[in-house]
């Protein structure tokens, strides 16, 4: 599987580009900004992007949606509980003195347990509310990888001081959806470095002990 990371925007969002080596079908996850840089990487990989997926609706993860969808014809997916956040992204960015592009409406909704296929590759949707009501992680079990958005970070977890956030829900999501994954599973968060489930089980102060 092709698995590339492009760090985008002023808040350093990890945008992931996934692709099937055989069919060249692909997925872009969290195109938060810098759409042309993302598209350049997509073209260099010779990918036909089928889906643009938002792990959640915060403005720093969705700012490139419009240009990616327009350039590729891909379907836009997000969990239905985060659609209100998607619609407010421009206004929320302005509150932080930043700008972003207004996202188009989603074409499809992410559903817990659903499987999204691209070529011979597939990812399972894990609904992990807490940071946002509709936050989701993307499990690539055959690759021993999971994209965690802003749910789980290296030695940290997502913020829960936003409207609609819940620390209790976040911790329940991590305990029930992420920690059951094998320790060797590589964790690719929405910001910062990668880690593993096993390392977080041992060293993450919100989880360990």
N, C-alpha and C. Protein backbone atom coordinates (compact mmCIF):
# COMPACT_ATOMS: atom_id res chain seq x y z
N UNK A 1 0.83 -1.20 0.00
CA UNK A 1 0.00 0.00 0.00
C UNK A 1 0.87 1.25 0.00
N UNK A 2 0.47 2.24 -0.77
CA UNK A 2 1.08 3.55 -0.71
C UNK A 2 0.54 4.27 0.53
N UNK A 3 1.45 4.85 1.32
CA UNK A 3 1.04 5.54 2.54
C UNK A 3 1.97 6.73 2.72
N UNK A 4 1.51 7.91 2.33
CA UNK A 4 2.31 9.12 2.40
C UNK A 4 1.71 10.10 3.39
N UNK A 5 2.56 10.93 3.97
CA UNK A 5 2.13 11.99 4.87
C UNK A 5 2.59 13.33 4.34
N UNK A 6 1.67 14.30 4.31
CA UNK A 6 2.00 15.68 3.96
C UNK A 6 1.53 16.55 5.11
N UNK A 7 2.44 17.27 5.75
CA UNK A 7 2.07 18.14 6.87
C UNK A 7 1.60 19.48 6.30
N UNK A 8 0.37 19.88 6.66
CA UNK A 8 -0.24 21.04 6.00
C UNK A 8 -0.77 22.05 7.01
N UNK A 9 -0.83 23.31 6.56
CA UNK A 9 -1.49 24.35 7.32
C UNK A 9 -0.69 24.87 8.49
N UNK A 10 -1.12 26.00 9.05
CA UNK A 10 -0.40 26.63 10.17
C UNK A 10 -0.41 25.82 11.45
N UNK A 11 -1.34 24.88 11.59
CA UNK A 11 -1.40 24.06 12.79
C UNK A 11 -0.76 22.68 12.61
N UNK A 12 -0.09 22.49 11.48
CA UNK A 12 0.68 21.26 11.27
C UNK A 12 -0.14 19.99 11.26
N UNK A 13 -1.18 19.95 10.43
CA UNK A 13 -2.03 18.76 10.33
C UNK A 13 -1.36 17.71 9.45
N UNK A 14 -1.39 16.48 9.90
CA UNK A 14 -0.92 15.36 9.09
C UNK A 14 -2.02 14.94 8.12
N UNK A 15 -1.80 15.25 6.85
CA UNK A 15 -2.70 14.77 5.79
C UNK A 15 -2.11 13.48 5.24
N UNK A 16 -2.94 12.46 5.12
CA UNK A 16 -2.47 11.15 4.66
C UNK A 16 -3.01 10.85 3.27
N UNK A 17 -2.12 10.33 2.42
CA UNK A 17 -2.48 9.91 1.07
C UNK A 17 -2.25 8.41 1.00
N UNK A 18 -3.31 7.67 0.78
CA UNK A 18 -3.27 6.21 0.73
C UNK A 18 -3.59 5.77 -0.67
N UNK A 19 -2.96 4.70 -1.14
CA UNK A 19 -3.24 4.22 -2.47
C UNK A 19 -2.97 2.74 -2.64
N UNK A 20 -3.70 2.13 -3.55
CA UNK A 20 -3.51 0.73 -3.92
C UNK A 20 -2.43 0.67 -5.01
N UNK A 21 -1.40 -0.14 -4.78
CA UNK A 21 -0.29 -0.24 -5.73
C UNK A 21 -0.75 -0.76 -7.09
N UNK A 22 -1.74 -1.65 -7.09
CA UNK A 22 -2.14 -2.27 -8.35
C UNK A 22 -3.13 -1.40 -9.15
N UNK A 23 -4.21 -0.99 -8.50
CA UNK A 23 -5.25 -0.25 -9.22
C UNK A 23 -4.99 1.24 -9.30
N UNK A 24 -4.11 1.75 -8.42
CA UNK A 24 -3.82 3.19 -8.28
C UNK A 24 -5.01 3.98 -7.76
N UNK A 25 -6.02 3.31 -7.21
CA UNK A 25 -7.10 4.01 -6.53
C UNK A 25 -6.62 4.48 -5.17
N UNK A 26 -7.09 5.67 -4.75
CA UNK A 26 -6.57 6.20 -3.51
C UNK A 26 -7.57 6.97 -2.69
N UNK A 27 -7.10 7.36 -1.50
CA UNK A 27 -7.89 8.11 -0.52
C UNK A 27 -7.01 9.21 0.04
N UNK A 28 -7.59 10.39 0.25
CA UNK A 28 -6.90 11.47 0.96
C UNK A 28 -7.63 11.68 2.28
N UNK A 29 -6.89 11.65 3.37
CA UNK A 29 -7.45 11.82 4.71
C UNK A 29 -7.00 13.17 5.28
N UNK A 30 -7.95 13.98 5.70
CA UNK A 30 -7.71 15.26 6.36
C UNK A 30 -6.86 16.23 5.55
N UNK A 31 -7.35 16.65 4.39
CA UNK A 31 -6.64 17.69 3.63
C UNK A 31 -6.93 19.06 4.24
N UNK A 32 -6.20 19.38 5.30
CA UNK A 32 -6.54 20.57 6.08
C UNK A 32 -6.24 21.88 5.41
N UNK A 33 -5.27 21.91 4.49
CA UNK A 33 -4.86 23.13 3.81
C UNK A 33 -3.87 22.71 2.72
N UNK A 34 -3.30 23.72 2.04
CA UNK A 34 -2.24 23.46 1.05
C UNK A 34 -2.67 22.41 0.03
N UNK A 35 -3.84 22.63 -0.55
CA UNK A 35 -4.40 21.63 -1.47
C UNK A 35 -3.48 21.34 -2.65
N UNK A 36 -2.81 22.37 -3.16
CA UNK A 36 -1.95 22.14 -4.32
C UNK A 36 -0.78 21.23 -3.99
N UNK A 37 -0.23 21.34 -2.78
CA UNK A 37 0.84 20.44 -2.37
C UNK A 37 0.34 19.00 -2.29
N UNK A 38 -0.87 18.84 -1.76
CA UNK A 38 -1.45 17.50 -1.67
C UNK A 38 -1.67 16.93 -3.06
N UNK A 39 -2.23 17.75 -3.95
CA UNK A 39 -2.51 17.28 -5.31
C UNK A 39 -1.22 16.96 -6.06
N UNK A 40 -0.18 17.71 -5.80
CA UNK A 40 1.11 17.41 -6.43
C UNK A 40 1.61 16.04 -6.02
N UNK A 41 1.47 15.70 -4.73
CA UNK A 41 1.87 14.37 -4.27
C UNK A 41 0.98 13.29 -4.88
N UNK A 42 -0.31 13.56 -4.95
CA UNK A 42 -1.24 12.61 -5.57
C UNK A 42 -0.83 12.33 -7.02
N UNK A 43 -0.53 13.39 -7.76
CA UNK A 43 -0.12 13.22 -9.16
C UNK A 43 1.20 12.47 -9.27
N UNK A 44 2.12 12.77 -8.38
CA UNK A 44 3.43 12.10 -8.44
C UNK A 44 3.29 10.60 -8.19
N UNK A 45 2.26 10.22 -7.46
CA UNK A 45 2.00 8.81 -7.18
C UNK A 45 1.10 8.16 -8.23
N UNK A 46 0.58 8.98 -9.15
CA UNK A 46 -0.29 8.44 -10.20
C UNK A 46 -1.59 7.88 -9.67
N UNK A 47 -2.16 8.55 -8.64
CA UNK A 47 -3.36 8.02 -8.00
C UNK A 47 -4.63 8.64 -8.52
N UNK A 48 -5.67 7.82 -8.56
CA UNK A 48 -7.04 8.26 -8.85
C UNK A 48 -7.77 8.27 -7.52
N UNK A 49 -7.99 9.46 -6.97
CA UNK A 49 -8.56 9.58 -5.63
C UNK A 49 -10.07 9.33 -5.66
N UNK A 50 -10.49 8.29 -4.94
CA UNK A 50 -11.91 7.94 -4.88
C UNK A 50 -12.63 8.64 -3.74
N UNK A 51 -11.92 8.84 -2.62
CA UNK A 51 -12.56 9.41 -1.44
C UNK A 51 -11.66 10.45 -0.79
N UNK A 52 -12.29 11.50 -0.28
CA UNK A 52 -11.66 12.43 0.65
C UNK A 52 -12.36 12.22 1.98
N UNK A 53 -11.59 11.87 3.01
CA UNK A 53 -12.15 11.50 4.30
C UNK A 53 -11.69 12.50 5.36
N UNK A 54 -12.63 13.02 6.13
CA UNK A 54 -12.31 13.86 7.28
C UNK A 54 -12.49 13.04 8.55
N UNK A 55 -11.43 12.94 9.36
CA UNK A 55 -11.56 12.22 10.63
C UNK A 55 -12.49 12.95 11.58
N UNK A 56 -12.56 14.29 11.43
CA UNK A 56 -13.51 15.10 12.20
C UNK A 56 -13.64 16.46 11.51
N UNK A 57 -14.52 17.30 12.04
CA UNK A 57 -14.90 18.50 11.32
C UNK A 57 -14.19 19.78 11.68
N UNK A 58 -13.13 19.74 12.47
CA UNK A 58 -12.45 20.98 12.83
C UNK A 58 -11.76 21.61 11.62
N UNK A 59 -11.74 22.95 11.62
CA UNK A 59 -11.34 23.70 10.43
C UNK A 59 -9.96 23.33 9.92
N UNK A 60 -9.03 22.99 10.82
CA UNK A 60 -7.66 22.72 10.39
C UNK A 60 -7.52 21.38 9.66
N UNK A 61 -8.58 20.56 9.69
CA UNK A 61 -8.55 19.27 9.01
C UNK A 61 -9.37 19.24 7.72
N UNK A 62 -10.10 20.31 7.42
CA UNK A 62 -11.06 20.25 6.31
C UNK A 62 -10.86 21.34 5.26
N UNK A 63 -9.88 22.22 5.45
CA UNK A 63 -9.75 23.39 4.59
C UNK A 63 -9.45 23.10 3.13
N UNK A 64 -8.89 21.93 2.83
CA UNK A 64 -8.60 21.58 1.44
C UNK A 64 -9.68 20.75 0.77
N UNK A 65 -10.77 20.50 1.48
CA UNK A 65 -11.82 19.64 0.93
C UNK A 65 -12.29 20.10 -0.45
N UNK A 66 -12.64 21.39 -0.54
CA UNK A 66 -13.26 21.89 -1.77
C UNK A 66 -12.34 21.68 -2.98
N UNK A 67 -11.08 22.04 -2.84
CA UNK A 67 -10.18 21.93 -3.98
C UNK A 67 -9.86 20.48 -4.32
N UNK A 68 -9.73 19.64 -3.28
CA UNK A 68 -9.46 18.22 -3.55
C UNK A 68 -10.62 17.57 -4.27
N UNK A 69 -11.83 17.83 -3.80
CA UNK A 69 -13.01 17.24 -4.44
C UNK A 69 -13.16 17.75 -5.86
N UNK A 70 -12.96 19.05 -6.06
CA UNK A 70 -13.11 19.63 -7.40
C UNK A 70 -12.07 19.07 -8.36
N UNK A 71 -10.85 18.87 -7.88
CA UNK A 71 -9.77 18.43 -8.77
C UNK A 71 -9.82 16.95 -9.08
N UNK A 72 -10.38 16.15 -8.16
CA UNK A 72 -10.32 14.70 -8.33
C UNK A 72 -11.67 14.04 -8.61
N UNK A 73 -12.76 14.74 -8.32
CA UNK A 73 -14.08 14.12 -8.44
C UNK A 73 -14.37 13.12 -7.35
N UNK A 74 -13.58 13.15 -6.27
CA UNK A 74 -13.75 12.19 -5.18
C UNK A 74 -15.01 12.48 -4.38
N UNK A 75 -15.50 11.46 -3.69
CA UNK A 75 -16.60 11.60 -2.75
C UNK A 75 -16.06 12.08 -1.40
N UNK A 76 -16.76 13.01 -0.78
CA UNK A 76 -16.36 13.52 0.52
C UNK A 76 -17.12 12.79 1.62
N UNK A 77 -16.38 12.30 2.63
CA UNK A 77 -16.98 11.55 3.73
C UNK A 77 -16.60 12.13 5.07
N UNK A 78 -17.56 12.18 5.98
CA UNK A 78 -17.36 12.58 7.36
C UNK A 78 -18.49 11.94 8.17
N UNK A 79 -18.31 11.79 9.47
CA UNK A 79 -19.40 11.27 10.28
C UNK A 79 -20.51 12.31 10.38
N UNK A 80 -21.74 11.86 10.36
CA UNK A 80 -22.88 12.78 10.35
C UNK A 80 -22.91 13.70 11.57
N UNK A 81 -22.36 13.24 12.71
CA UNK A 81 -22.40 14.06 13.91
C UNK A 81 -21.45 15.26 13.84
N UNK A 82 -20.55 15.27 12.86
CA UNK A 82 -19.63 16.40 12.71
C UNK A 82 -19.99 17.31 11.54
N UNK A 83 -21.09 17.05 10.88
CA UNK A 83 -21.52 17.93 9.78
C UNK A 83 -21.71 19.38 10.26
N UNK A 84 -22.30 19.62 11.44
CA UNK A 84 -22.41 21.01 11.89
C UNK A 84 -21.06 21.69 12.03
N UNK A 85 -20.03 20.98 12.51
CA UNK A 85 -18.69 21.55 12.61
C UNK A 85 -18.14 21.88 11.23
N UNK A 86 -18.37 21.01 10.28
CA UNK A 86 -17.91 21.24 8.91
C UNK A 86 -18.49 22.54 8.37
N UNK A 87 -19.75 22.78 8.66
CA UNK A 87 -20.41 23.98 8.17
C UNK A 87 -19.94 25.26 8.83
N UNK A 88 -19.34 25.15 10.02
CA UNK A 88 -18.89 26.34 10.75
C UNK A 88 -17.38 26.56 10.66
N UNK A 89 -16.70 25.80 9.82
CA UNK A 89 -15.24 25.83 9.80
C UNK A 89 -14.68 27.22 9.51
N UNK A 90 -15.25 27.93 8.57
CA UNK A 90 -14.73 29.25 8.20
C UNK A 90 -14.85 30.22 9.38
N UNK A 91 -15.98 30.20 10.04
CA UNK A 91 -16.20 31.11 11.17
C UNK A 91 -15.29 30.77 12.35
N UNK A 92 -15.12 29.48 12.62
CA UNK A 92 -14.27 29.07 13.73
C UNK A 92 -12.81 29.44 13.45
N UNK A 93 -12.35 29.23 12.22
CA UNK A 93 -10.98 29.62 11.87
C UNK A 93 -10.77 31.10 12.10
N UNK A 94 -11.76 31.91 11.74
CA UNK A 94 -11.64 33.36 11.92
C UNK A 94 -11.50 33.73 13.39
N UNK A 95 -12.10 32.97 14.27
CA UNK A 95 -11.97 33.22 15.71
C UNK A 95 -10.53 33.07 16.19
N UNK A 96 -9.74 32.28 15.45
CA UNK A 96 -8.32 32.09 15.79
C UNK A 96 -7.41 32.97 14.93
N UNK A 97 -8.01 33.89 14.18
CA UNK A 97 -7.23 34.76 13.31
C UNK A 97 -6.70 34.07 12.08
N UNK A 98 -7.34 32.96 11.68
CA UNK A 98 -6.90 32.18 10.53
C UNK A 98 -8.01 32.12 9.49
N UNK A 99 -7.66 31.68 8.30
CA UNK A 99 -8.65 31.55 7.23
C UNK A 99 -8.65 30.12 6.70
N UNK A 100 -9.77 29.71 6.17
CA UNK A 100 -9.88 28.40 5.53
C UNK A 100 -10.97 28.50 4.47
N UNK A 101 -11.02 27.52 3.58
CA UNK A 101 -12.05 27.51 2.55
C UNK A 101 -13.27 26.75 3.05
N UNK A 102 -14.44 27.23 2.64
CA UNK A 102 -15.68 26.56 3.03
C UNK A 102 -15.76 25.20 2.33
N UNK A 103 -16.08 24.18 3.10
CA UNK A 103 -16.15 22.83 2.56
C UNK A 103 -17.47 22.58 1.85
N UNK A 104 -17.45 21.77 0.80
CA UNK A 104 -18.72 21.29 0.25
C UNK A 104 -19.40 20.35 1.24
N UNK A 105 -20.66 20.09 1.02
CA UNK A 105 -21.40 19.13 1.84
C UNK A 105 -20.87 17.72 1.58
N UNK A 106 -20.90 16.84 2.58
CA UNK A 106 -20.44 15.47 2.36
C UNK A 106 -21.34 14.71 1.39
N UNK A 107 -20.74 13.78 0.67
CA UNK A 107 -21.50 12.92 -0.24
C UNK A 107 -21.99 11.67 0.48
N UNK A 108 -21.19 11.21 1.44
CA UNK A 108 -21.51 9.99 2.18
C UNK A 108 -21.10 10.19 3.64
N UNK A 109 -21.65 9.36 4.52
CA UNK A 109 -21.32 9.45 5.93
C UNK A 109 -20.49 8.26 6.38
N UNK A 110 -19.51 8.54 7.23
CA UNK A 110 -18.76 7.47 7.88
C UNK A 110 -19.64 6.79 8.92
N UNK A 111 -19.64 5.47 8.94
CA UNK A 111 -20.44 4.70 9.89
C UNK A 111 -19.53 3.73 10.64
N UNK A 112 -19.70 3.64 11.94
CA UNK A 112 -18.89 2.75 12.75
C UNK A 112 -18.95 1.32 12.23
N UNK A 113 -17.80 0.73 12.02
CA UNK A 113 -17.73 -0.65 11.54
C UNK A 113 -17.79 -0.82 10.04
N UNK A 114 -18.11 0.25 9.31
CA UNK A 114 -18.15 0.17 7.86
C UNK A 114 -16.73 0.02 7.32
N UNK A 115 -16.62 -0.56 6.14
CA UNK A 115 -15.33 -0.76 5.48
C UNK A 115 -15.32 0.03 4.18
N UNK A 116 -14.28 0.83 4.01
CA UNK A 116 -14.11 1.65 2.82
C UNK A 116 -12.99 1.03 1.99
N UNK A 117 -13.31 0.62 0.76
CA UNK A 117 -12.34 -0.06 -0.09
C UNK A 117 -11.84 0.84 -1.20
N UNK A 118 -10.56 0.68 -1.53
CA UNK A 118 -9.97 1.36 -2.68
C UNK A 118 -8.97 0.40 -3.31
N UNK A 119 -9.33 -0.11 -4.48
CA UNK A 119 -8.55 -1.18 -5.08
C UNK A 119 -8.61 -2.41 -4.20
N UNK A 120 -7.45 -3.01 -3.95
CA UNK A 120 -7.39 -4.20 -3.09
C UNK A 120 -7.18 -3.84 -1.63
N UNK A 121 -7.19 -2.55 -1.31
CA UNK A 121 -6.97 -2.09 0.06
C UNK A 121 -8.30 -1.72 0.71
N UNK A 122 -8.31 -1.71 2.04
CA UNK A 122 -9.54 -1.38 2.75
C UNK A 122 -9.21 -0.82 4.11
N UNK A 123 -10.10 0.06 4.61
CA UNK A 123 -9.98 0.60 5.95
C UNK A 123 -11.31 0.46 6.67
N UNK A 124 -11.24 0.14 7.95
CA UNK A 124 -12.45 0.05 8.76
C UNK A 124 -12.65 1.36 9.52
N UNK A 125 -13.88 1.84 9.54
CA UNK A 125 -14.22 3.07 10.24
C UNK A 125 -14.49 2.75 11.71
N UNK A 126 -13.79 3.46 12.60
CA UNK A 126 -14.02 3.33 14.04
C UNK A 126 -14.55 4.67 14.55
N UNK A 127 -15.80 4.71 14.95
CA UNK A 127 -16.36 5.95 15.50
C UNK A 127 -15.79 6.14 16.90
N UNK A 128 -15.06 7.23 17.12
CA UNK A 128 -14.39 7.46 18.39
C UNK A 128 -14.74 8.86 18.90
N UNK A 129 -15.95 9.08 19.34
CA UNK A 129 -16.35 10.41 19.83
C UNK A 129 -15.58 10.81 21.08
N UNK A 130 -15.53 12.11 21.30
CA UNK A 130 -14.85 12.64 22.47
C UNK A 130 -14.23 13.99 22.16
N UNK A 131 -13.24 14.00 21.27
CA UNK A 131 -12.68 15.27 20.80
C UNK A 131 -13.76 16.06 20.07
N UNK A 132 -14.50 15.37 19.23
CA UNK A 132 -15.73 15.88 18.61
C UNK A 132 -16.76 14.77 18.66
N UNK A 133 -18.05 15.11 18.49
CA UNK A 133 -19.07 14.06 18.53
C UNK A 133 -18.93 13.01 17.43
N UNK A 134 -18.44 13.43 16.28
CA UNK A 134 -18.34 12.51 15.15
C UNK A 134 -16.94 12.09 14.81
N UNK A 135 -16.00 12.26 15.72
CA UNK A 135 -14.62 11.88 15.45
C UNK A 135 -14.50 10.41 15.09
N UNK A 136 -13.65 10.11 14.13
CA UNK A 136 -13.45 8.73 13.68
C UNK A 136 -11.97 8.43 13.51
N UNK A 137 -11.63 7.17 13.72
CA UNK A 137 -10.31 6.64 13.40
C UNK A 137 -10.47 5.67 12.23
N UNK A 138 -9.37 5.43 11.53
CA UNK A 138 -9.39 4.59 10.33
C UNK A 138 -8.38 3.47 10.51
N UNK A 139 -8.88 2.25 10.63
CA UNK A 139 -8.03 1.09 10.88
C UNK A 139 -7.68 0.37 9.59
N UNK A 140 -6.38 0.23 9.35
CA UNK A 140 -5.87 -0.53 8.20
C UNK A 140 -5.24 -1.80 8.76
N UNK A 141 -6.09 -2.75 9.11
CA UNK A 141 -5.65 -3.91 9.88
C UNK A 141 -4.60 -4.74 9.15
N UNK A 142 -4.74 -4.89 7.83
CA UNK A 142 -3.78 -5.70 7.09
C UNK A 142 -2.41 -5.05 7.03
N UNK A 143 -2.36 -3.74 7.27
CA UNK A 143 -1.10 -3.00 7.29
C UNK A 143 -0.61 -2.74 8.71
N UNK A 144 -1.38 -3.15 9.71
CA UNK A 144 -1.07 -2.87 11.12
C UNK A 144 -0.88 -1.38 11.35
N UNK A 145 -1.82 -0.60 10.82
CA UNK A 145 -1.79 0.85 10.95
C UNK A 145 -3.17 1.35 11.35
N UNK A 146 -3.21 2.47 12.08
CA UNK A 146 -4.47 3.14 12.38
C UNK A 146 -4.23 4.64 12.34
N UNK A 147 -5.10 5.35 11.63
CA UNK A 147 -5.09 6.81 11.57
C UNK A 147 -6.05 7.29 12.64
N UNK A 148 -5.56 8.09 13.58
CA UNK A 148 -6.38 8.41 14.75
C UNK A 148 -6.90 9.83 14.81
N UNK A 149 -6.67 10.65 13.77
CA UNK A 149 -7.18 12.01 13.82
C UNK A 149 -6.70 12.69 15.09
N UNK A 150 -7.62 13.39 15.78
CA UNK A 150 -7.25 14.04 17.03
C UNK A 150 -7.78 13.29 18.25
N UNK A 151 -7.94 11.98 18.10
CA UNK A 151 -8.37 11.14 19.22
C UNK A 151 -7.19 10.75 20.11
N UNK A 152 -6.13 10.23 19.48
CA UNK A 152 -4.97 9.74 20.22
C UNK A 152 -3.70 10.26 19.57
N UNK A 153 -2.79 10.80 20.40
CA UNK A 153 -1.49 11.29 19.95
C UNK A 153 -0.38 10.52 20.66
N UNK A 154 0.84 10.75 20.22
CA UNK A 154 1.99 10.19 20.92
C UNK A 154 2.06 10.81 22.32
N UNK A 155 1.81 9.98 23.32
CA UNK A 155 1.84 10.36 24.73
C UNK A 155 0.85 11.48 25.07
N UNK A 156 -0.24 11.55 24.35
CA UNK A 156 -1.29 12.52 24.66
C UNK A 156 -2.60 12.06 24.02
N UNK A 157 -3.65 12.84 24.28
CA UNK A 157 -4.97 12.57 23.70
C UNK A 157 -5.56 13.89 23.22
N UNK A 158 -6.66 13.79 22.49
CA UNK A 158 -7.29 14.98 21.95
C UNK A 158 -7.87 15.90 23.02
N UNK A 159 -7.89 17.19 22.71
CA UNK A 159 -8.48 18.16 23.62
C UNK A 159 -9.98 17.92 23.76
N UNK A 160 -10.48 18.20 24.94
CA UNK A 160 -11.92 18.03 25.19
C UNK A 160 -12.52 19.26 25.85
N UNK A 161 -11.91 20.42 25.57
CA UNK A 161 -12.42 21.67 26.13
C UNK A 161 -13.19 22.48 25.10
N UNK A 162 -13.61 21.84 24.01
CA UNK A 162 -14.41 22.49 22.99
C UNK A 162 -15.90 22.18 23.21
N UNK A 163 -16.79 23.05 22.71
CA UNK A 163 -18.22 22.71 22.76
C UNK A 163 -18.48 21.37 22.06
N UNK A 164 -19.22 20.50 22.71
CA UNK A 164 -19.52 19.19 22.15
C UNK A 164 -18.49 18.12 22.45
N UNK A 165 -17.36 18.51 23.06
CA UNK A 165 -16.35 17.54 23.44
C UNK A 165 -16.70 16.87 24.77
N UNK A 166 -16.09 15.72 25.00
CA UNK A 166 -16.31 15.00 26.26
C UNK A 166 -15.09 14.16 26.59
N UNK A 167 -14.44 14.45 27.71
CA UNK A 167 -13.27 13.65 28.11
C UNK A 167 -13.69 12.21 28.41
N UNK A 168 -14.83 12.03 29.04
CA UNK A 168 -15.29 10.68 29.36
C UNK A 168 -15.52 9.87 28.09
N UNK A 169 -16.16 10.51 27.11
CA UNK A 169 -16.41 9.81 25.84
C UNK A 169 -15.10 9.51 25.12
N UNK A 170 -14.15 10.45 25.16
CA UNK A 170 -12.87 10.24 24.50
C UNK A 170 -12.14 9.04 25.09
N UNK A 171 -12.07 9.00 26.41
CA UNK A 171 -11.36 7.89 27.05
C UNK A 171 -12.05 6.55 26.79
N UNK A 172 -13.38 6.57 26.77
CA UNK A 172 -14.12 5.33 26.46
C UNK A 172 -13.82 4.89 25.03
N UNK A 173 -13.73 5.85 24.11
CA UNK A 173 -13.41 5.52 22.71
C UNK A 173 -12.03 4.88 22.61
N UNK A 174 -11.06 5.47 23.30
CA UNK A 174 -9.70 4.94 23.25
C UNK A 174 -9.65 3.54 23.86
N UNK A 175 -10.33 3.36 24.98
CA UNK A 175 -10.31 2.07 25.66
C UNK A 175 -10.99 0.97 24.86
N UNK A 176 -12.10 1.30 24.20
CA UNK A 176 -12.90 0.27 23.54
C UNK A 176 -12.57 0.07 22.06
N UNK A 177 -12.03 1.11 21.41
CA UNK A 177 -11.80 1.01 19.96
C UNK A 177 -10.32 0.93 19.59
N UNK A 178 -9.45 1.56 20.36
CA UNK A 178 -8.04 1.61 19.98
C UNK A 178 -7.16 0.66 20.77
N UNK A 179 -7.30 0.62 22.08
CA UNK A 179 -6.43 -0.25 22.86
C UNK A 179 -6.61 -1.74 22.57
N UNK A 180 -7.78 -2.20 22.08
CA UNK A 180 -7.87 -3.61 21.70
C UNK A 180 -7.03 -3.98 20.46
N UNK A 181 -6.54 -2.98 19.72
CA UNK A 181 -5.70 -3.28 18.55
C UNK A 181 -4.37 -3.85 19.02
N UNK A 182 -3.71 -4.66 18.18
CA UNK A 182 -2.42 -5.25 18.58
C UNK A 182 -1.39 -4.17 18.94
N UNK A 183 -0.52 -4.50 19.90
CA UNK A 183 0.47 -3.54 20.36
C UNK A 183 1.36 -3.03 19.23
N UNK A 184 1.61 -3.86 18.23
CA UNK A 184 2.50 -3.46 17.13
C UNK A 184 1.85 -2.50 16.14
N UNK A 185 0.55 -2.26 16.30
CA UNK A 185 -0.16 -1.38 15.37
C UNK A 185 0.44 0.03 15.41
N UNK A 186 0.84 0.52 14.24
CA UNK A 186 1.37 1.88 14.15
C UNK A 186 0.22 2.88 14.21
N UNK A 187 0.42 3.92 15.01
CA UNK A 187 -0.59 4.97 15.20
C UNK A 187 -0.13 6.22 14.47
N UNK A 188 -1.00 6.73 13.58
CA UNK A 188 -0.70 7.94 12.83
C UNK A 188 -1.72 9.01 13.20
N UNK A 189 -1.35 9.93 14.10
CA UNK A 189 -2.30 10.93 14.59
C UNK A 189 -2.43 12.12 13.65
N UNK A 190 -3.39 12.98 13.97
CA UNK A 190 -3.66 14.15 13.16
C UNK A 190 -2.62 15.24 13.26
N UNK A 191 -1.80 15.21 14.32
CA UNK A 191 -0.70 16.15 14.51
C UNK A 191 0.45 15.39 15.16
N UNK A 192 1.66 15.76 14.84
CA UNK A 192 2.81 15.21 15.53
C UNK A 192 3.26 13.86 15.02
N UNK A 193 4.21 13.24 15.76
CA UNK A 193 4.84 12.01 15.29
C UNK A 193 3.95 10.78 15.45
N UNK A 194 4.33 9.74 14.72
CA UNK A 194 3.65 8.46 14.84
C UNK A 194 4.12 7.75 16.11
N UNK A 195 3.37 6.73 16.49
CA UNK A 195 3.70 5.94 17.67
C UNK A 195 3.13 4.54 17.45
N UNK A 196 2.99 3.77 18.49
CA UNK A 196 2.34 2.47 18.39
C UNK A 196 1.35 2.31 19.54
N UNK A 197 0.41 1.41 19.36
CA UNK A 197 -0.55 1.13 20.43
C UNK A 197 0.19 0.65 21.68
N UNK A 198 1.18 -0.22 21.51
CA UNK A 198 1.90 -0.74 22.65
C UNK A 198 2.65 0.35 23.41
N UNK A 199 3.27 1.26 22.67
CA UNK A 199 3.99 2.35 23.34
C UNK A 199 3.02 3.23 24.12
N UNK A 200 1.86 3.52 23.53
CA UNK A 200 0.89 4.37 24.24
C UNK A 200 0.33 3.66 25.47
N UNK A 201 0.17 2.36 25.37
CA UNK A 201 -0.32 1.61 26.52
C UNK A 201 0.65 1.74 27.71
N UNK A 202 1.95 1.84 27.39
CA UNK A 202 2.97 1.91 28.43
C UNK A 202 3.27 3.33 28.90
N UNK A 203 3.29 4.29 27.97
CA UNK A 203 3.85 5.60 28.28
C UNK A 203 2.88 6.77 28.19
N UNK A 204 1.71 6.57 27.65
CA UNK A 204 0.77 7.68 27.57
C UNK A 204 0.20 7.95 28.96
N UNK A 205 0.42 9.16 29.52
CA UNK A 205 -0.03 9.41 30.90
C UNK A 205 -1.53 9.36 31.08
N UNK A 206 -2.28 9.48 30.00
CA UNK A 206 -3.74 9.40 30.10
C UNK A 206 -4.24 7.97 30.11
N UNK A 207 -3.35 7.03 29.74
CA UNK A 207 -3.75 5.64 29.59
C UNK A 207 -3.00 4.72 30.55
N UNK A 208 -1.68 4.90 30.62
CA UNK A 208 -0.84 3.98 31.37
C UNK A 208 -1.22 3.96 32.85
N UNK A 209 -1.12 2.78 33.44
CA UNK A 209 -1.40 2.64 34.86
C UNK A 209 -2.86 2.55 35.17
